[in-house]
C-alpha atoms as a PDB file:
ATOM      1  CA  MET A   1      61.002  43.382  73.028  1.00  0.00           C
ATOM      2  CA  ASP A   2      63.351  45.922  74.598  1.00  0.00           C
ATOM      3  CA  MET A   3      63.466  49.474  73.263  1.00  0.00           C
ATOM      4  CA  SER A   4      67.189  49.051  72.609  1.00  0.00           C
ATOM      5  CA  THR A   5      66.648  46.024  70.401  1.00  0.00           C
ATOM      6  CA  ALA A   6      63.370  46.529  68.501  1.00  0.00           C
ATOM      7  CA  ILE A   7      60.993  49.184  67.171  1.00  0.00           C
ATOM      8  CA  ASP A   8      57.848  48.499  65.137  1.00  0.00           C
ATOM      9  CA  VAL A   9      56.189  51.269  63.113  1.00  0.00           C
ATOM     10  CA  ALA A  10      53.019  51.382  61.016  1.00  0.00           C
ATOM     11  CA  VAL A  11      52.694  54.546  58.945  1.00  0.00           C
ATOM     12  CA  PHE A  12      49.917  55.891  56.767  1.00  0.00           C
ATOM     13  CA  ARG A  13      51.866  59.012  55.828  1.00  0.00           C
ATOM     14  CA  LEU A  14      55.439  59.805  56.867  1.00  0.00           C
ATOM     15  CA  THR A  15      56.864  63.210  55.908  1.00  0.00           C
ATOM     16  CA  ALA A  16      58.893  64.147  59.013  1.00  0.00           C
ATOM     17  CA  ALA A  17      62.634  63.997  58.356  1.00  0.00           C
ATOM     18  CA  ASN A  18      63.486  63.763  62.062  1.00  0.00           C
ATOM     19  CA  VAL A  19      61.382  60.642  62.551  1.00  0.00           C
ATOM     20  CA  THR A  20      62.935  59.055  59.468  1.00  0.00           C
ATOM     21  CA  SER A  21      66.479  59.878  60.574  1.00  0.00           C
ATOM     22  CA  ALA A  22      65.849  58.569  64.081  1.00  0.00           C
ATOM     23  CA  LEU A  23      64.649  55.208  62.752  1.00  0.00           C
ATOM     24  CA  ILE A  24      67.692  54.930  60.495  1.00  0.00           C
ATOM     25  CA  ARG A  25      70.047  55.784  63.360  1.00  0.00           C
ATOM     26  CA  ARG A  26      68.495  53.145  65.594  1.00  0.00           C
ATOM     27  CA  HIS A  27      68.676  50.572  62.791  1.00  0.00           C
ATOM     28  CA  ARG A  28      72.353  51.330  62.222  1.00  0.00           C
ATOM     29  CA  ALA A  29      72.949  51.022  65.950  1.00  0.00           C
ATOM     30  CA  GLY A  30      71.721  47.449  65.826  1.00  0.00           C
ATOM     31  CA  VAL A  31      68.087  47.962  66.779  1.00  0.00           C
ATOM     32  CA  ARG A  32      65.575  45.753  64.969  1.00  0.00           C
ATOM     33  CA  VAL A  33      63.306  48.167  63.115  1.00  0.00           C
ATOM     34  CA  ARG A  34      60.269  46.985  61.122  1.00  0.00           C
ATOM     35  CA  VAL A  35      57.958  49.226  59.118  1.00  0.00           C
ATOM     36  CA  ILE A  36      54.560  48.642  57.514  1.00  0.00           C
ATOM     37  CA  VAL A  37      53.387  51.239  54.970  1.00  0.00           C
ATOM     38  CA  GLU A  38      50.240  52.125  53.057  1.00  0.00           C
ATOM     39  CA  PRO A  39      51.101  51.953  49.313  1.00  0.00           C
ATOM     40  CA  SER A  40      48.448  54.445  48.203  1.00  0.00           C
ATOM     41  CA  GLU A  41      50.029  57.146  50.376  1.00  0.00           C
ATOM     42  CA  TYR A  42      53.486  56.210  49.134  1.00  0.00           C
ATOM     43  CA  SER A  43      52.321  57.083  45.628  1.00  0.00           C
ATOM     44  CA  ARG A  44      50.049  60.025  46.431  1.00  0.00           C
ATOM     45  CA  ASN A  45      50.982  63.318  44.741  1.00  0.00           C
ATOM     46  CA  THR A  46      47.927  65.463  45.454  1.00  0.00           C
ATOM     47  CA  TYR A  47      50.164  68.040  47.141  1.00  0.00           C
ATOM     48  CA  PRO A  48      53.972  68.368  47.329  1.00  0.00           C
ATOM     49  CA  GLU A  49      53.717  67.620  51.059  1.00  0.00           C
ATOM     50  CA  TYR A  50      52.271  64.190  50.295  1.00  0.00           C
ATOM     51  CA  GLU A  51      55.141  63.395  47.935  1.00  0.00           C
ATOM     52  CA  LEU A  52      57.531  63.565  50.880  1.00  0.00           C
ATOM     53  CA  THR A  53      56.226  60.214  52.109  1.00  0.00           C
ATOM     54  CA  ARG A  54      57.932  58.481  49.196  1.00  0.00           C
ATOM     55  CA  ALA A  55      61.204  60.269  49.926  1.00  0.00           C
ATOM     56  CA  ARG A  56      61.116  59.197  53.579  1.00  0.00           C
ATOM     57  CA  ILE A  57      60.076  55.590  52.942  1.00  0.00           C
ATOM     58  CA  ASP A  58      62.721  55.278  50.207  1.00  0.00           C
ATOM     59  CA  SER A  59      65.338  56.461  52.703  1.00  0.00           C
ATOM     60  CA  LEU A  60      64.314  53.705  55.113  1.00  0.00           C
ATOM     61  CA  TRP A  61      64.473  51.146  52.300  1.00  0.00           C
ATOM     62  CA  ALA A  62      67.876  52.392  51.144  1.00  0.00           C
ATOM     63  CA  ALA A  63      69.111  51.938  54.721  1.00  0.00           C
ATOM     64  CA  ARG A  64      67.917  48.307  54.405  1.00  0.00           C
ATOM     65  CA  ILE A  65      65.240  48.562  57.059  1.00  0.00           C
ATOM     66  CA  PRO A  66      62.688  45.753  56.471  1.00  0.00           C
ATOM     67  CA  ILE A  67      59.449  47.187  55.070  1.00  0.00           C
ATOM     68  CA  ARG A  68      56.154  45.533  54.225  1.00  0.00           C
ATOM     69  CA  GLN A  69      53.106  47.053  52.574  1.00  0.00           C
ATOM     70  CA  ARG A  70      49.370  46.464  52.444  1.00  0.00           C
ATOM     71  CA  VAL A  71      48.157  44.236  49.611  1.00  0.00           C
ATOM     72  CA  HIS A  72      44.629  43.548  50.913  1.00  0.00           C
ATOM     73  CA  ALA A  73      41.609  45.587  49.825  1.00  0.00           C
ATOM     74  CA  GLY A  74      40.987  48.889  51.553  1.00  0.00           C
ATOM     75  CA  LEU A  75      43.551  50.942  53.444  1.00  0.00           C
ATOM     76  CA  MET A  76      46.103  50.410  56.197  1.00  0.00           C
ATOM     77  CA  HIS A  77      45.256  53.548  58.168  1.00  0.00           C
ATOM     78  CA  MET A  78      47.322  52.899  61.280  1.00  0.00           C
ATOM     79  CA  LYS A  79      49.834  55.410  62.657  1.00  0.00           C
ATOM     80  CA  THR A  80      51.645  53.743  65.500  1.00  0.00           C
ATOM     81  CA  LEU A  81      55.113  53.246  66.950  1.00  0.00           C
ATOM     82  CA  ILE A  82      55.726  50.435  69.397  1.00  0.00           C
ATOM     83  CA  THR A  83      58.647  49.759  71.740  1.00  0.00           C
ATOM     84  CA  SER A  84      58.929  47.627  74.874  1.00  0.00           C
ATOM     85  CA  ARG A  85      58.080  50.667  76.993  1.00  0.00           C
ATOM     86  CA  VAL A  86      55.298  52.402  75.126  1.00  0.00           C
ATOM     87  CA  ALA A  87      52.957  52.198  72.144  1.00  0.00           C
ATOM     88  CA  LEU A  88      52.055  55.446  70.453  1.00  0.00           C
ATOM     89  CA  ILE A  89      48.724  55.721  68.654  1.00  0.00           C
ATOM     90  CA  ALA A  90      48.893  58.933  66.655  1.00  0.00           C
ATOM     91  CA  SER A  91      45.760  60.885  65.868  1.00  0.00           C
ATOM     92  CA  SER A  92      47.570  62.323  62.857  1.00  0.00           C
ATOM     93  CA  ASN A  93      50.268  61.215  60.463  1.00  0.00           C
ATOM     94  CA  PHE A  94      53.988  61.392  61.184  1.00  0.00           C
ATOM     95  CA  THR A  95      54.395  64.840  59.628  1.00  0.00           C
ATOM     96  CA  ASN A  96      56.254  68.012  60.572  1.00  0.00           C
ATOM     97  CA  ASN A  97      53.346  69.129  62.751  1.00  0.00           C
ATOM     98  CA  TRP A  98      52.339  65.794  64.227  1.00  0.00           C
ATOM     99  CA  GLN A  99      53.792  66.593  67.678  1.00  0.00           C
ATOM    100  CA  ARG A 100      51.266  69.383  68.185  1.00  0.00           C
ATOM    101  CA  ASP A 101      48.289  67.056  67.780  1.00  0.00           C
ATOM    102  CA  HIS A 102      46.795  64.916  70.487  1.00  0.00           C
ATOM    103  CA  ASN A 103      48.305  61.461  70.663  1.00  0.00           C
ATOM    104  CA  TYR A 104      47.550  58.442  72.825  1.00  0.00           C
ATOM    105  CA  PHE A 105      50.399  56.836  74.727  1.00  0.00           C
ATOM    106  CA  LEU A 106      50.074  53.318  76.081  1.00  0.00           C
ATOM    107  CA  PRO A 107      52.882  52.760  78.605  1.00  0.00           C
ATOM    108  CA  ALA A 108      53.679  49.118  79.223  1.00  0.00           C
ATOM    109  CA  ALA A 109      54.086  49.867  82.918  1.00  0.00           C
ATOM    110  CA  THR A 110      50.573  51.257  83.462  1.00  0.00           C
ATOM    111  CA  LYS A 111      48.552  49.981  80.487  1.00  0.00           C
ATOM    112  CA  SER A 112      50.161  46.632  79.929  1.00  0.00           C
ATOM    113  CA  ARG A 113      47.132  44.936  78.390  1.00  0.00           C
ATOM    114  CA  ALA A 114      46.567  47.633  75.742  1.00  0.00           C
ATOM    115  CA  HIS A 115      50.299  47.807  75.077  1.00  0.00           C
ATOM    116  CA  LEU A 116      50.486  44.049  74.570  1.00  0.00           C
ATOM    117  CA  GLN A 117      47.493  44.165  72.217  1.00  0.00           C
ATOM    118  CA  MET A 118      49.290  46.711  70.039  1.00  0.00           C
ATOM    119  CA  LYS A 119      52.423  44.583  69.952  1.00  0.00           C
ATOM    120  CA  SER A 120      50.419  41.487  69.059  1.00  0.00           C
ATOM    121  CA  ARG A 121      48.440  43.299  66.376  1.00  0.00           C
ATOM    122  CA  PHE A 122      51.581  44.512  64.629  1.00  0.00           C
ATOM    123  CA  ALA A 123      53.169  41.063  64.845  1.00  0.00           C
ATOM    124  CA  SER A 124      50.111  39.440  63.266  1.00  0.00           C
ATOM    125  CA  MET A 125      50.115  41.989  60.454  1.00  0.00           C
ATOM    126  CA  TRP A 126      53.835  41.497  59.826  1.00  0.00           C
ATOM    127  CA  THR A 127      53.519  37.734  59.458  1.00  0.00           C
ATOM    128  CA  ASN A 128      50.279  37.831  57.428  1.00  0.00           C
ATOM    129  CA  THR A 129      51.562  37.114  53.914  1.00  0.00           C
ATOM    130  CA  THR A 130      48.076  37.296  52.447  1.00  0.00           C
ATOM    131  CA  ALA A 131      47.278  40.831  53.555  1.00  0.00           C
ATOM    132  CA  PHE A 132      50.809  42.281  53.533  1.00  0.00           C
ATOM    133  CA  GLY A 133      53.624  41.855  51.050  1.00  0.00           C
ATOM    134  CA  THR A 134      57.215  42.900  50.523  1.00  0.00           C
ATOM    135  CA  PHE A 135      57.630  46.604  49.822  1.00  0.00           C
ATOM    136  CA  ARG A 136      59.228  47.584  46.519  1.00  0.00           C
ATOM    137  CA  PRO A 137      60.201  51.218  45.738  1.00  0.00           C
ATOM    138  CA  LYS A 138      58.996  52.937  42.589  1.00  0.00           C
ATOM    139  CA  PRO A 139      60.837  55.325  40.241  1.00  0.00           C
ATOM    140  CA  PRO A 140      60.174  59.080  40.139  1.00  0.00           C
ATOM    141  CA  ALA A 141      58.420  60.964  37.378  1.00  0.00           C
ATOM    142  CA  ALA A 142      60.506  62.326  34.524  1.00  0.00           C
ATOM    143  CA  ALA A 143      61.451  65.991  34.492  1.00  0.00           C
ATOM    144  CA  ALA A 144      60.311  68.218  31.633  1.00  0.00           C
ATOM    145  CA  PRO A 145      62.905  70.524  30.017  1.00  0.00           C
ATOM    146  CA  ALA A 146      61.729  74.135  29.793  1.00  0.00           C
ATOM    147  CA  GLN A 147      64.488  76.342  28.366  1.00  0.00           C
ATOM    148  CA  PRO A 148      66.290  77.056  26.140  1.00  0.00           C
ATOM    149  CA  ALA A 149      63.512  76.079  23.755  1.00  0.00           C
ATOM    150  CA  ASN A 150      64.061  72.815  21.946  1.00  0.00           C
ATOM    151  CA  GLY A 151      65.912  73.575  18.729  1.00  0.00           C
ATOM    152  CA  ALA A 152      66.748  77.152  19.769  1.00  0.00           C
ATOM    153  CA  THR A 153      69.655  78.868  17.990  1.00  0.00           C
ATOM    154  CA  ASP A 154      71.967  81.726  18.911  1.00  0.00           C
ATOM    155  CA  VAL A 155      71.766  80.668  22.553  1.00  0.00           C
ATOM    156  CA  LEU A 156      74.187  82.230  25.034  1.00  0.00           C
ATOM    157  CA  ARG A 157      77.390  80.229  25.372  1.00  0.00           C
ATOM    158  CA  THR A 158      76.775  80.130  29.125  1.00  0.00           C
ATOM    159  CA  PRO A 159      73.080  79.264  29.118  1.00  0.00           C
ATOM    160  CA  THR A 160      70.900  78.453  32.081  1.00  0.00           C
ATOM    161  CA  LEU A 161      69.262  75.089  31.486  1.00  0.00           C
ATOM    162  CA  VAL A 162      65.846  74.988  33.150  1.00  0.00           C
ATOM    163  CA  TRP A 163      63.516  72.062  33.779  1.00  0.00           C
ATOM    164  CA  ARG A 164      60.228  71.609  35.623  1.00  0.00           C
ATOM    165  CA  ARG A 165      60.031  69.837  38.943  1.00  0.00           C
ATOM    166  CA  ALA A 166      59.445  66.103  38.674  1.00  0.00           C
ATOM    167  CA  THR A 167      57.109  64.394  41.111  1.00  0.00           C
ATOM    168  CA  TRP A 168      58.969  62.293  43.717  1.00  0.00           C
ATOM    169  CA  ALA A 169      62.440  63.337  42.516  1.00  0.00           C
ATOM    170  CA  VAL A 170      64.946  64.107  45.263  1.00  0.00           C
ATOM    171  CA  ALA A 171      67.789  65.021  42.896  1.00  0.00           C
ATOM    172  CA  TYR A 172      68.476  65.564  39.208  1.00  0.00           C
ATOM    173  CA  ASP A 173      71.454  64.517  37.106  1.00  0.00           C
ATOM    174  CA  VAL A 174      72.127  66.857  34.188  1.00  0.00           C
ATOM    175  CA  TYR A 175      73.651  65.399  31.033  1.00  0.00           C
ATOM    176  CA  VAL A 176      75.105  67.402  28.117  1.00  0.00           C
ATOM    177  CA  GLY A 177      76.781  66.320  24.882  1.00  0.00           C
ATOM    178  CA  THR A 178      77.063  66.968  21.189  1.00  0.00           C
ATOM    179  CA  SER A 179      74.791  64.000  20.423  1.00  0.00           C
ATOM    180  CA  SER A 180      72.522  61.620  22.290  1.00  0.00           C
ATOM    181  CA  SER A 181      75.280  59.006  22.233  1.00  0.00           C
ATOM    182  CA  SER A 182      77.872  61.343  23.761  1.00  0.00           C
ATOM    183  CA  LEU A 183      75.883  62.637  26.718  1.00  0.00           C
ATOM    184  CA  GLN A 184      77.934  63.019  29.879  1.00  0.00           C
ATOM    185  CA  ARG A 185      76.804  63.907  33.358  1.00  0.00           C
ATOM    186  CA  VAL A 186      77.864  67.438  34.205  1.00  0.00           C
ATOM    187  CA  ALA A 187      76.004  68.092  37.451  1.00  0.00           C
ATOM    188  CA  ARG A 188      73.755  66.768  40.179  1.00  0.00           C
ATOM    189  CA  VAL A 189      71.162  69.242  41.391  1.00  0.00           C
ATOM    190  CA  PRO A 190      69.426  68.389  44.678  1.00  0.00           C
ATOM    191  CA  ALA A 191      65.692  68.919  44.930  1.00  0.00           C
ATOM    192  CA  VAL A 192      64.148  71.010  47.674  1.00  0.00           C
ATOM    193  CA  LEU A 193      62.284  68.547  49.892  1.00  0.00           C
ATOM    194  CA  SER A 194      59.656  70.742  51.479  1.00  0.00           C
ATOM    195  CA  GLU A 195      55.940  71.387  51.449  1.00  0.00           C
ATOM    196  CA  ASN A 196      56.520  74.303  49.044  1.00  0.00           C
ATOM    197  CA  PRO A 197      59.213  73.266  46.546  1.00  0.00           C
ATOM    198  CA  PRO A 198      60.132  75.432  43.552  1.00  0.00           C
ATOM    199  CA  ALA A 199      58.325  74.815  40.283  1.00  0.00           C
ATOM    200  CA  THR A 200      61.578  74.655  38.312  1.00  0.00           C
ATOM    201  CA  TYR A 201      65.257  73.860  38.746  1.00  0.00           C
ATOM    202  CA  SER A 202      68.239  75.004  36.732  1.00  0.00           C
ATOM    203  CA  TRP A 203      71.926  74.542  36.012  1.00  0.00           C
ATOM    204  CA  THR A 204      74.427  76.931  34.457  1.00  0.00           C
ATOM    205  CA  PRO A 205      77.764  75.640  33.134  1.00  0.00           C
ATOM    206  CA  PRO A 206      80.831  76.976  34.970  1.00  0.00           C
ATOM    207  CA  ALA A 207      82.525  77.825  31.650  1.00  0.00           C
ATOM    208  CA  PRO A 208      81.115  78.873  28.252  1.00  0.00           C
ATOM    209  CA  PHE A 209      80.302  76.253  25.646  1.00  0.00           C
ATOM    210  CA  PRO A 210      82.058  76.632  22.257  1.00  0.00           C
ATOM    211  CA  SER A 211      80.321  79.067  19.933  1.00  0.00           C
ATOM    212  CA  GLY A 212      78.286  77.789  17.003  1.00  0.00           C
ATOM    213  CA  THR A 213      77.946  74.315  18.555  1.00  0.00           C
ATOM    214  CA  ARG A 214      74.832  72.190  18.585  1.00  0.00           C
ATOM    215  CA  LEU A 215      74.395  70.621  21.999  1.00  0.00           C
ATOM    216  CA  VAL A 216      71.864  68.193  23.414  1.00  0.00           C
ATOM    217  CA  TRP A 217      70.864  67.782  27.028  1.00  0.00           C
ATOM    218  CA  ARG A 218      68.590  65.803  29.294  1.00  0.00           C
ATOM    219  CA  VAL A 219      67.748  65.514  32.972  1.00  0.00           C
ATOM    220  CA  VAL A 220      67.518  62.258  34.927  1.00  0.00           C
ATOM    221  CA  SER A 221      65.352  62.213  38.069  1.00  0.00           C
ATOM    222  CA  ARG A 222      66.561  60.259  41.108  1.00  0.00           C
ATOM    223  CA  THR A 223      64.983  59.097  44.377  1.00  0.00           C
ATOM    224  CA  ASN A 224      66.386  58.261  47.799  1.00  0.00           C
ATOM    225  CA  ALA A 225      66.178  54.601  46.778  1.00  0.00           C
ATOM    226  CA  THR A 226      68.339  55.080  43.666  1.00  0.00           C
ATOM    227  CA  PRO A 227      71.677  54.585  45.498  1.00  0.00           C
ATOM    228  CA  ARG A 228      70.554  51.073  46.425  1.00  0.00           C
ATOM    229  CA  ASP A 229      68.849  50.354  43.092  1.00  0.00           C
ATOM    230  CA  PRO A 230      70.291  52.422  40.201  1.00  0.00           C
ATOM    231  CA  SER A 231      67.374  51.423  37.970  1.00  0.00           C
ATOM    232  CA  LEU A 232      65.040  53.697  39.956  1.00  0.00           C
ATOM    233  CA  VAL A 233      65.488  56.749  37.725  1.00  0.00           C
ATOM    234  CA  ALA A 234      63.491  58.540  35.041  1.00  0.00           C
ATOM    235  CA  GLY A 235      65.034  60.383  32.115  1.00  0.00           C
ATOM    236  CA  SER A 236      63.556  63.414  30.412  1.00  0.00           C
ATOM    237  CA  SER A 237      63.268  63.838  26.684  1.00  0.00           C
ATOM    238  CA  ILE A 238      66.416  65.038  24.933  1.00  0.00           C
ATOM    239  CA  TRP A 239      66.466  68.694  23.911  1.00  0.00           C
ATOM    240  CA  ALA A 240      68.868  70.484  21.612  1.00  0.00           C
ATOM    241  CA  PHE A 241      70.137  74.029  21.141  1.00  0.00           C
ATOM    242  CA  THR A 242      72.894  75.786  19.219  1.00  0.00           C
ATOM    243  CA  THR A 243      75.154  78.329  20.833  1.00  0.00           C
ATOM    244  CA  GLY A 244      75.759  81.767  19.355  1.00  0.00           C
ATOM    245  CA  ALA A 245      78.837  83.976  19.340  1.00  0.00           C
ATOM    246  CA  LYS A 246      78.359  85.477  22.810  1.00  0.00           C
END
């Protein structure tokens, strides 16, 4: 397995954008990239930082990189990257600070036996259809509208529509209409993918709405996998407000 033709990666948690982008670039350059993930970490939302794993894995999936996931009992706690030249055994996850932690490198030239064992272990995991299955992305959580209040009247004709951050969303589509059947998308608002994202997002129309008009709106959460599978979205409840004279 030459480095220019194949890379195998097993990740417990992947939040680093540079690692994700590098794998996608190598895949697009014709390198065979295979990834095994731990599903419990893909769906963990204990902290915003943990949610980034879903964004990164979804990006790999959207790029059509083959991904498998653990289906056996317990956890797949490996953090390793294997090429023909070296196998990396990380002592931490592939996160923004992982480079500062101590890692173990197994060069094929000087530690050939250990390097070969890592290659063989990954290969056996990849072909084990009992313990590992095909990865399937999941949708994000739905956003929650916040303001204007549902049913509010005398709202400014140029209101700021605010909604609360939705877990695992990487972008939001804003829809506005005069009824639920006439909703049209008016904006796409990207989420801030960081360890400290904002609690809310907002959109303000570029021109005033007509005065004295009842309008309805909703927000649809998207993931990095949505471009490949449009069904991976989550819509908020529909809220209404009526504009005033100003």
